[in-house]
C-alpha atoms as a PDB file:
ATOM      1  CA  MET A   1       2.452-103.017 128.276  1.00  0.00           C
ATOM      2  CA  GLU A   2       0.980-100.267 130.406  1.00  0.00           C
ATOM      3  CA  PRO A   3      -0.252-101.546 133.782  1.00  0.00           C
ATOM      4  CA  VAL A   4      -4.005-101.682 134.295  1.00  0.00           C
ATOM      5  CA  ILE A   5      -6.379-101.695 137.243  1.00  0.00           C
ATOM      6  CA  LEU A   6      -9.249-104.168 137.497  1.00  0.00           C
ATOM      7  CA  THR A   7     -12.095-103.993 139.997  1.00  0.00           C
ATOM      8  CA  THR A   8     -14.570-106.483 141.408  1.00  0.00           C
ATOM      9  CA  GLU A   9     -17.449-106.154 143.822  1.00  0.00           C
ATOM     10  CA  ARG A  10     -15.127-106.192 146.850  1.00  0.00           C
ATOM     11  CA  LEU A  11     -11.624-105.691 145.483  1.00  0.00           C
ATOM     12  CA  ILE A  12      -9.282-103.380 143.639  1.00  0.00           C
ATOM     13  CA  LEU A  13      -6.669-105.254 141.604  1.00  0.00           C
ATOM     14  CA  ARG A  14      -3.665-103.100 140.755  1.00  0.00           C
ATOM     15  CA  PRO A  15       0.042-103.669 140.103  1.00  0.00           C
ATOM     16  CA  LEU A  16       2.090-103.798 143.286  1.00  0.00           C
ATOM     17  CA  GLY A  17       4.547-100.952 143.813  1.00  0.00           C
ATOM     18  CA  PRO A  18       7.337 -99.902 146.210  1.00  0.00           C
ATOM     19  CA  ALA A  19       4.862 -98.720 148.853  1.00  0.00           C
ATOM     20  CA  ASP A  20       3.493-102.285 149.116  1.00  0.00           C
ATOM     21  CA  ALA A  21       6.771-103.929 150.158  1.00  0.00           C
ATOM     22  CA  GLY A  22       5.847-103.957 153.843  1.00  0.00           C
ATOM     23  CA  ALA A  23       2.484-105.618 153.240  1.00  0.00           C
ATOM     24  CA  VAL A  24       4.037-108.240 150.954  1.00  0.00           C
ATOM     25  CA  PHE A  25       6.800-108.962 153.472  1.00  0.00           C
ATOM     26  CA  ALA A  26       4.286-109.383 156.324  1.00  0.00           C
ATOM     27  CA  ALA A  27       2.021-111.670 154.280  1.00  0.00           C
ATOM     28  CA  CYS A  28       4.874-113.909 153.155  1.00  0.00           C
ATOM     29  CA  GLN A  29       5.902-114.722 156.716  1.00  0.00           C
ATOM     30  CA  ASP A  30       3.001-117.183 156.643  1.00  0.00           C
ATOM     31  CA  PRO A  31       4.420-120.747 156.611  1.00  0.00           C
ATOM     32  CA  GLU A  32       1.625-121.874 154.272  1.00  0.00           C
ATOM     33  CA  ILE A  33       2.690-119.401 151.591  1.00  0.00           C
ATOM     34  CA  GLN A  34       6.329-120.427 151.941  1.00  0.00           C
ATOM     35  CA  HIS A  35       5.387-124.112 151.803  1.00  0.00           C
ATOM     36  CA  TRP A  36       3.098-124.125 148.769  1.00  0.00           C
ATOM     37  CA  THR A  37       4.437-121.310 146.552  1.00  0.00           C
ATOM     38  CA  THR A  38       7.774-120.402 145.019  1.00  0.00           C
ATOM     39  CA  VAL A  39       8.531-117.464 147.345  1.00  0.00           C
ATOM     40  CA  PRO A  40      11.910-117.696 149.113  1.00  0.00           C
ATOM     41  CA  SER A  41      12.047-119.298 152.545  1.00  0.00           C
ATOM     42  CA  PRO A  42      12.923-117.674 154.844  1.00  0.00           C
ATOM     43  CA  TYR A  43      11.298-114.627 153.300  1.00  0.00           C
ATOM     44  CA  LEU A  44      13.295-111.457 153.967  1.00  0.00           C
ATOM     45  CA  ALA A  45      12.476-107.769 153.587  1.00  0.00           C
ATOM     46  CA  GLU A  46      14.911-107.583 150.678  1.00  0.00           C
ATOM     47  CA  HIS A  47      12.887-110.221 148.835  1.00  0.00           C
ATOM     48  CA  ALA A  48       9.739-108.100 149.123  1.00  0.00           C
ATOM     49  CA  ARG A  49      11.555-104.962 147.989  1.00  0.00           C
ATOM     50  CA  GLY A  50      13.047-106.733 144.965  1.00  0.00           C
ATOM     51  CA  PHE A  51       9.659-108.180 144.061  1.00  0.00           C
ATOM     52  CA  VAL A  52       7.694-104.923 144.062  1.00  0.00           C
ATOM     53  CA  ARG A  53      10.486-102.643 142.789  1.00  0.00           C
ATOM     54  CA  GLU A  54      11.999-104.865 140.099  1.00  0.00           C
ATOM     55  CA  MET A  55      10.166-108.085 139.256  1.00  0.00           C
ATOM     56  CA  VAL A  56       6.641-106.657 139.058  1.00  0.00           C
ATOM     57  CA  PRO A  57       7.442-103.608 136.873  1.00  0.00           C
ATOM     58  CA  GLN A  58       9.808-105.636 134.668  1.00  0.00           C
ATOM     59  CA  GLY A  59       7.051-108.171 134.015  1.00  0.00           C
ATOM     60  CA  TRP A  60       4.627-105.471 132.930  1.00  0.00           C
ATOM     61  CA  ALA A  61       7.217-103.614 130.844  1.00  0.00           C
ATOM     62  CA  GLY A  62       8.291-106.810 129.085  1.00  0.00           C
ATOM     63  CA  ASP A  63       4.703-108.007 128.547  1.00  0.00           C
ATOM     64  CA  THR A  64       5.701-111.296 130.178  1.00  0.00           C
ATOM     65  CA  GLU A  65       3.992-111.306 133.579  1.00  0.00           C
ATOM     66  CA  TYR A  66       1.048-109.321 134.913  1.00  0.00           C
ATOM     67  CA  THR A  67       1.154-109.191 138.709  1.00  0.00           C
ATOM     68  CA  PHE A  68      -1.590-107.618 140.792  1.00  0.00           C
ATOM     69  CA  GLY A  69      -2.180-106.942 144.440  1.00  0.00           C
ATOM     70  CA  ALA A  70      -5.819-107.520 145.392  1.00  0.00           C
ATOM     71  CA  PHE A  71      -6.823-104.851 147.892  1.00  0.00           C
ATOM     72  CA  LEU A  72     -10.088-104.634 149.770  1.00  0.00           C
ATOM     73  CA  ALA A  73     -12.283-101.837 148.456  1.00  0.00           C
ATOM     74  CA  ASP A  74     -12.980 -99.528 151.396  1.00  0.00           C
ATOM     75  CA  GLU A  75     -16.638 -98.652 151.018  1.00  0.00           C
ATOM     76  CA  ASN A  76     -16.364 -96.158 153.875  1.00  0.00           C
ATOM     77  CA  GLY A  77     -14.089 -93.930 151.830  1.00  0.00           C
ATOM     78  CA  GLY A  78     -11.033 -94.261 154.026  1.00  0.00           C
ATOM     79  CA  GLY A  79      -7.539 -95.226 152.942  1.00  0.00           C
ATOM     80  CA  ARG A  80      -5.725 -94.700 149.682  1.00  0.00           C
ATOM     81  CA  ASN A  81      -7.514 -93.885 146.430  1.00  0.00           C
ATOM     82  CA  ALA A  82      -7.105 -95.948 143.285  1.00  0.00           C
ATOM     83  CA  GLU A  83      -8.426 -94.937 139.897  1.00  0.00           C
ATOM     84  CA  GLY A  84     -11.231 -97.272 138.986  1.00  0.00           C
ATOM     85  CA  GLY A  85     -10.364 -97.942 135.372  1.00  0.00           C
ATOM     86  CA  HIS A  86     -10.708-101.572 134.386  1.00  0.00           C
ATOM     87  CA  GLY A  87     -10.328-104.017 131.545  1.00  0.00           C
ATOM     88  CA  ASP A  88     -12.935-106.344 130.141  1.00  0.00           C
ATOM     89  CA  GLY A  89     -13.069-108.339 133.345  1.00  0.00           C
ATOM     90  CA  GLY A  90     -13.559-105.348 135.583  1.00  0.00           C
ATOM     91  CA  HIS A  91     -16.543-104.305 137.593  1.00  0.00           C
ATOM     92  CA  GLY A  92     -17.339-100.950 139.076  1.00  0.00           C
ATOM     93  CA  ASP A  93     -18.536 -97.457 138.371  1.00  0.00           C
ATOM     94  CA  GLY A  94     -15.313 -96.135 136.815  1.00  0.00           C
ATOM     95  CA  GLY A  95     -14.709 -93.620 139.598  1.00  0.00           C
ATOM     96  CA  ALA A  96     -12.045 -93.524 142.271  1.00  0.00           C
ATOM     97  CA  ARG A  97     -12.472 -96.142 144.989  1.00  0.00           C
ATOM     98  CA  ALA A  98     -10.774 -96.060 148.342  1.00  0.00           C
ATOM     99  CA  GLU A  99      -8.288 -98.860 148.885  1.00  0.00           C
ATOM    100  CA  GLY A 100      -8.070-100.996 152.006  1.00  0.00           C
ATOM    101  CA  PRO A 101      -5.504-103.635 153.043  1.00  0.00           C
ATOM    102  CA  LEU A 102      -3.825-106.197 150.820  1.00  0.00           C
ATOM    103  CA  ALA A 103      -5.862-109.408 150.646  1.00  0.00           C
ATOM    104  CA  ALA A 104      -3.975-111.408 148.014  1.00  0.00           C
ATOM    105  CA  CYS A 105      -1.401-111.367 145.248  1.00  0.00           C
ATOM    106  CA  LEU A 106      -2.216-112.799 141.825  1.00  0.00           C
ATOM    107  CA  GLY A 107      -0.491-112.927 138.490  1.00  0.00           C
ATOM    108  CA  LEU A 108      -0.642-114.234 134.950  1.00  0.00           C
ATOM    109  CA  MET A 109       2.682-115.347 133.470  1.00  0.00           C
ATOM    110  CA  ARG A 110       3.266-116.013 129.780  1.00  0.00           C
ATOM    111  CA  ARG A 111       4.202-119.671 129.262  1.00  0.00           C
ATOM    112  CA  GLY A 112       4.217-119.733 125.471  1.00  0.00           C
ATOM    113  CA  PRO A 113       2.276-118.389 122.486  1.00  0.00           C
ATOM    114  CA  GLY A 114      -1.309-117.930 123.618  1.00  0.00           C
ATOM    115  CA  VAL A 115      -0.743-119.543 127.030  1.00  0.00           C
ATOM    116  CA  LEU A 116      -0.839-117.800 130.414  1.00  0.00           C
ATOM    117  CA  GLU A 117      -0.367-119.411 133.829  1.00  0.00           C
ATOM    118  CA  LEU A 118      -2.301-118.239 136.885  1.00  0.00           C
ATOM    119  CA  GLY A 119      -0.535-117.988 140.230  1.00  0.00           C
ATOM    120  CA  PHE A 120      -1.715-116.578 143.546  1.00  0.00           C
ATOM    121  CA  TRP A 121      -1.366-116.460 147.301  1.00  0.00           C
ATOM    122  CA  SER A 122      -3.724-115.041 149.898  1.00  0.00           C
ATOM    123  CA  VAL A 123      -3.111-113.114 153.096  1.00  0.00           C
ATOM    124  CA  LYS A 124      -3.897-115.369 156.041  1.00  0.00           C
ATOM    125  CA  GLU A 125      -6.184-112.884 157.779  1.00  0.00           C
ATOM    126  CA  HIS A 126      -8.445-112.582 154.740  1.00  0.00           C
ATOM    127  CA  ARG A 127      -8.938-116.254 153.863  1.00  0.00           C
ATOM    128  CA  GLY A 128     -12.269-118.015 153.899  1.00  0.00           C
ATOM    129  CA  ARG A 129     -14.248-115.189 152.277  1.00  0.00           C
ATOM    130  CA  GLY A 130     -13.940-116.123 148.610  1.00  0.00           C
ATOM    131  CA  LEU A 131     -11.765-113.111 147.830  1.00  0.00           C
ATOM    132  CA  VAL A 132      -9.096-115.005 145.871  1.00  0.00           C
ATOM    133  CA  THR A 133     -11.759-116.738 143.783  1.00  0.00           C
ATOM    134  CA  GLU A 134     -13.386-113.373 143.054  1.00  0.00           C
ATOM    135  CA  ALA A 135     -10.063-111.888 141.994  1.00  0.00           C
ATOM    136  CA  ALA A 136      -8.940-114.940 140.018  1.00  0.00           C
ATOM    137  CA  ARG A 137     -12.155-115.065 137.992  1.00  0.00           C
ATOM    138  CA  THR A 138     -11.736-111.449 136.973  1.00  0.00           C
ATOM    139  CA  LEU A 139      -8.055-111.873 136.187  1.00  0.00           C
ATOM    140  CA  CYS A 140      -8.607-114.992 134.073  1.00  0.00           C
ATOM    141  CA  ARG A 141     -11.396-113.305 132.122  1.00  0.00           C
ATOM    142  CA  TRP A 142      -9.077-110.360 131.478  1.00  0.00           C
ATOM    143  CA  GLY A 143      -6.350-112.725 130.277  1.00  0.00           C
ATOM    144  CA  LEU A 144      -8.655-114.591 127.912  1.00  0.00           C
ATOM    145  CA  THR A 145     -10.335-111.482 126.517  1.00  0.00           C
ATOM    146  CA  ASP A 146      -8.111-108.418 126.792  1.00  0.00           C
ATOM    147  CA  ARG A 147      -4.816-110.327 126.414  1.00  0.00           C
ATOM    148  CA  LYS A 148      -6.452-112.718 123.931  1.00  0.00           C
ATOM    149  CA  ALA A 149      -4.958-115.841 125.485  1.00  0.00           C
ATOM    150  CA  ALA A 150      -6.102-119.152 124.042  1.00  0.00           C
ATOM    151  CA  ARG A 151      -5.560-120.866 127.388  1.00  0.00           C
ATOM    152  CA  VAL A 152      -4.969-120.026 131.050  1.00  0.00           C
ATOM    153  CA  GLU A 153      -3.285-122.798 133.003  1.00  0.00           C
ATOM    154  CA  TRP A 154      -3.335-123.456 136.728  1.00  0.00           C
ATOM    155  CA  ARG A 155      -0.723-125.693 138.315  1.00  0.00           C
ATOM    156  CA  ALA A 156      -0.190-126.597 141.950  1.00  0.00           C
ATOM    157  CA  GLU A 157       1.735-129.171 143.898  1.00  0.00           C
ATOM    158  CA  VAL A 158      -0.303-132.293 144.543  1.00  0.00           C
ATOM    159  CA  GLY A 159      -1.816-131.856 147.987  1.00  0.00           C
ATOM    160  CA  ASN A 160      -2.438-128.113 147.750  1.00  0.00           C
ATOM    161  CA  THR A 161      -6.171-128.512 148.191  1.00  0.00           C
ATOM    162  CA  ALA A 162      -6.811-124.838 148.991  1.00  0.00           C
ATOM    163  CA  SER A 163      -5.390-123.763 145.641  1.00  0.00           C
ATOM    164  CA  ARG A 164      -7.305-126.524 143.884  1.00  0.00           C
ATOM    165  CA  ALA A 165     -10.544-125.329 145.479  1.00  0.00           C
ATOM    166  CA  VAL A 166     -10.005-121.868 143.986  1.00  0.00           C
ATOM    167  CA  ALA A 167      -9.362-123.392 140.554  1.00  0.00           C
ATOM    168  CA  ASP A 168     -12.535-125.475 140.874  1.00  0.00           C
ATOM    169  CA  ARG A 169     -14.654-122.464 141.805  1.00  0.00           C
ATOM    170  CA  CYS A 170     -13.222-120.547 138.824  1.00  0.00           C
ATOM    171  CA  GLY A 171     -14.315-123.309 136.458  1.00  0.00           C
ATOM    172  CA  PHE A 172     -10.902-124.717 135.546  1.00  0.00           C
ATOM    173  CA  VAL A 173     -11.054-128.094 133.817  1.00  0.00           C
ATOM    174  CA  HIS A 174      -8.666-130.590 135.369  1.00  0.00           C
ATOM    175  CA  GLU A 175      -6.385-132.349 132.937  1.00  0.00           C
ATOM    176  CA  GLY A 176      -4.354-134.648 135.150  1.00  0.00           C
ATOM    177  CA  THR A 177      -1.142-134.899 137.133  1.00  0.00           C
ATOM    178  CA  LEU A 178       2.295-133.929 135.834  1.00  0.00           C
ATOM    179  CA  ARG A 179       4.905-136.173 137.390  1.00  0.00           C
ATOM    180  CA  GLN A 180       7.879-134.438 139.028  1.00  0.00           C
ATOM    181  CA  ALA A 181       6.957-131.186 137.252  1.00  0.00           C
ATOM    182  CA  LEU A 182       7.522-128.671 140.057  1.00  0.00           C
ATOM    183  CA  PHE A 183      10.725-127.896 141.922  1.00  0.00           C
ATOM    184  CA  SER A 184       9.881-127.073 145.542  1.00  0.00           C
ATOM    185  CA  ARG A 185      11.610-127.335 148.910  1.00  0.00           C
ATOM    186  CA  GLY A 186      14.745-128.768 147.352  1.00  0.00           C
ATOM    187  CA  GLY A 187      13.166-131.467 145.203  1.00  0.00           C
ATOM    188  CA  GLN A 188      10.862-132.298 142.318  1.00  0.00           C
ATOM    189  CA  ARG A 189       7.159-132.621 143.121  1.00  0.00           C
ATOM    190  CA  ASP A 190       4.140-133.908 141.244  1.00  0.00           C
ATOM    191  CA  ALA A 191       1.747-131.203 140.075  1.00  0.00           C
ATOM    192  CA  TRP A 192      -1.935-130.963 139.258  1.00  0.00           C
ATOM    193  CA  ILE A 193      -2.759-129.120 136.038  1.00  0.00           C
ATOM    194  CA  ALA A 194      -6.020-127.571 134.850  1.00  0.00           C
ATOM    195  CA  SER A 195      -7.015-124.987 132.276  1.00  0.00           C
ATOM    196  CA  LEU A 196      -9.559-122.405 131.195  1.00  0.00           C
ATOM    197  CA  ILE A 197     -10.190-121.555 127.544  1.00  0.00           C
ATOM    198  CA  PRO A 198     -12.474-118.830 126.178  1.00  0.00           C
ATOM    199  CA  SER A 199     -15.415-121.192 125.648  1.00  0.00           C
ATOM    200  CA  ASP A 200     -15.354-122.020 129.381  1.00  0.00           C
ATOM    201  CA  LEU A 201     -16.293-118.447 130.314  1.00  0.00           C
ATOM    202  CA  THR A 202     -19.832-117.902 131.482  1.00  0.00           C
ATOM    203  CA  GLY A 203     -21.751-114.754 132.288  1.00  0.00           C
END
């Protein structure tokens, strides 16, 4: 499908592109991201280039994975401009908004008919401000409405309490623990699982 841009009160969510490789590479040097997500470790510049130049556009083109960078909206008008078009989950005035630094990366991956899985990581310097929750809420609403998903799943390795807190704030309903369901750091790990369905949406 054609890539889209979503906006929230503080963020511009747009597909990552080649110009974002440096920001992705810098963010993924964070040991927390390498520990809790599926990014390679060590994370090299070539990984970032392959991600933004190949994996992201291929996911959009194949209608299999919708990956967004969440960028701070620069209310002072500085920085790069992004067209403010948005899907059903968007927020904004429809005009161009100036784009600040990368705050997070989020995506929805198709897991089966009607099922999408939410994944995300946040840039260390921008944590603690509710930005990932803000972005994830908008992205999940877009998935359940625009993409007409019957279900958005969230999974995380047991112990990833920061990710679980985001899922909780987004209204995900916890469904239990999947034993040995995730492969991470050379072995199988237990995973929490939760979901959102259209009737869970509020507002």
